[in-house]
Protein backbone atom coordinates (compact mmCIF):
# COMPACT_ATOMS: atom_id res chain seq x y z
CA UNK A 1 179.03 116.44 228.37
CA UNK A 2 181.71 117.63 230.80
CA UNK A 3 182.62 121.29 230.81
CA UNK A 4 186.02 122.14 229.46
CA UNK A 5 188.32 124.39 231.39
CA UNK A 6 188.62 127.89 229.88
CA UNK A 7 191.82 128.59 227.97
CA UNK A 8 194.37 130.91 229.60
CA UNK A 9 193.56 133.65 227.08
CA UNK A 10 189.85 133.45 227.93
CA UNK A 11 190.59 133.52 231.65
CA UNK A 12 192.80 136.59 231.24
CA UNK A 13 190.12 138.44 229.30
CA UNK A 14 187.46 137.36 231.78
CA UNK A 15 189.52 138.62 234.73
CA UNK A 16 190.17 141.93 232.97
CA UNK A 17 186.49 142.51 232.23
CA UNK A 18 185.41 141.53 235.74
CA UNK A 19 188.06 143.83 237.19
CA UNK A 20 186.81 146.78 235.12
CA UNK A 21 183.20 146.15 236.14
CA UNK A 22 184.17 145.94 239.80
CA UNK A 23 186.24 149.14 239.52
CA UNK A 24 183.08 150.92 238.33
CA UNK A 25 181.08 149.34 241.15
CA UNK A 26 178.45 148.02 238.74
CA UNK A 27 176.43 144.94 239.63
CA UNK A 28 176.11 142.26 236.98
CA UNK A 29 172.39 142.87 236.75
CA UNK A 30 172.92 146.57 235.95
CA UNK A 31 175.32 145.83 233.12
CA UNK A 32 173.29 142.98 231.66
CA UNK A 33 170.14 145.13 231.65
CA UNK A 34 171.95 148.00 229.90
CA UNK A 35 173.08 145.64 227.15
CA UNK A 36 169.90 143.57 226.96
CA UNK A 37 171.82 140.42 227.89
CA UNK A 38 170.94 137.79 230.42
CA UNK A 39 172.89 137.85 233.63
CA UNK A 40 174.11 134.33 232.88
CA UNK A 41 175.68 135.51 229.61
CA UNK A 42 177.69 138.15 231.42
CA UNK A 43 178.61 135.65 234.13
CA UNK A 44 179.89 133.14 231.56
CA UNK A 45 181.94 135.86 229.86
CA UNK A 46 183.44 136.92 233.21
CA UNK A 47 184.39 133.34 234.07
CA UNK A 48 185.83 132.55 230.65
CA UNK A 49 183.22 129.87 229.93
CA UNK A 50 181.92 131.89 226.97
CA UNK A 51 184.15 133.78 224.57
CA UNK A 52 183.20 137.40 224.03
CA UNK A 53 183.52 138.96 220.60
CA UNK A 54 185.53 142.14 220.13
CA UNK A 55 182.21 143.97 219.66
CA UNK A 56 180.81 142.63 222.93
CA UNK A 57 183.98 143.63 224.76
CA UNK A 58 183.77 147.11 223.23
CA UNK A 59 180.16 147.43 224.41
CA UNK A 60 181.11 146.41 227.95
CA UNK A 61 184.04 148.81 228.02
CA UNK A 62 181.85 151.67 226.80
CA UNK A 63 179.59 151.14 229.82
CA UNK A 64 182.64 150.97 232.09
CA UNK A 65 184.07 154.09 230.38
CA UNK A 66 187.37 152.35 229.66
CA UNK A 67 189.37 153.98 226.88
CA UNK A 68 192.87 154.15 225.50
CA UNK A 69 195.47 151.44 225.84
CA UNK A 70 193.48 149.39 228.36
CA UNK A 71 190.52 149.22 225.97
CA UNK A 72 192.75 148.26 223.04
CA UNK A 73 194.40 145.54 225.10
CA UNK A 74 191.12 143.94 226.14
CA UNK A 75 189.60 144.17 222.66
CA UNK A 76 192.72 142.56 221.19
CA UNK A 77 192.51 139.81 223.81
CA UNK A 78 188.97 139.08 222.59
CA UNK A 79 190.23 138.84 219.01
CA UNK A 80 193.07 136.51 220.03
CA UNK A 81 191.16 134.25 222.45
CA UNK A 82 190.88 131.34 220.00
CA UNK A 83 194.41 131.54 218.66
CA UNK A 84 196.73 128.74 219.73
CA UNK A 85 199.13 129.63 222.52
């Protein structure tokens, strides 16, 4: 079965999460180990191939120590990822 291209909302969330991880200078393996996830799960979230729940996004942002408006924006993006554009 061919892979579908991630929706724009998923790509935006993915880019935001990847940007926050890179700003903290964390490697994927470090973050995935802290959360008990596989590295491939985190990779798929950061490429938009797997939607992340609001809870998963909150867990990632807690590790990255992101708070305030930026956190709320990314969590809301996770909630809205499946809504039609």
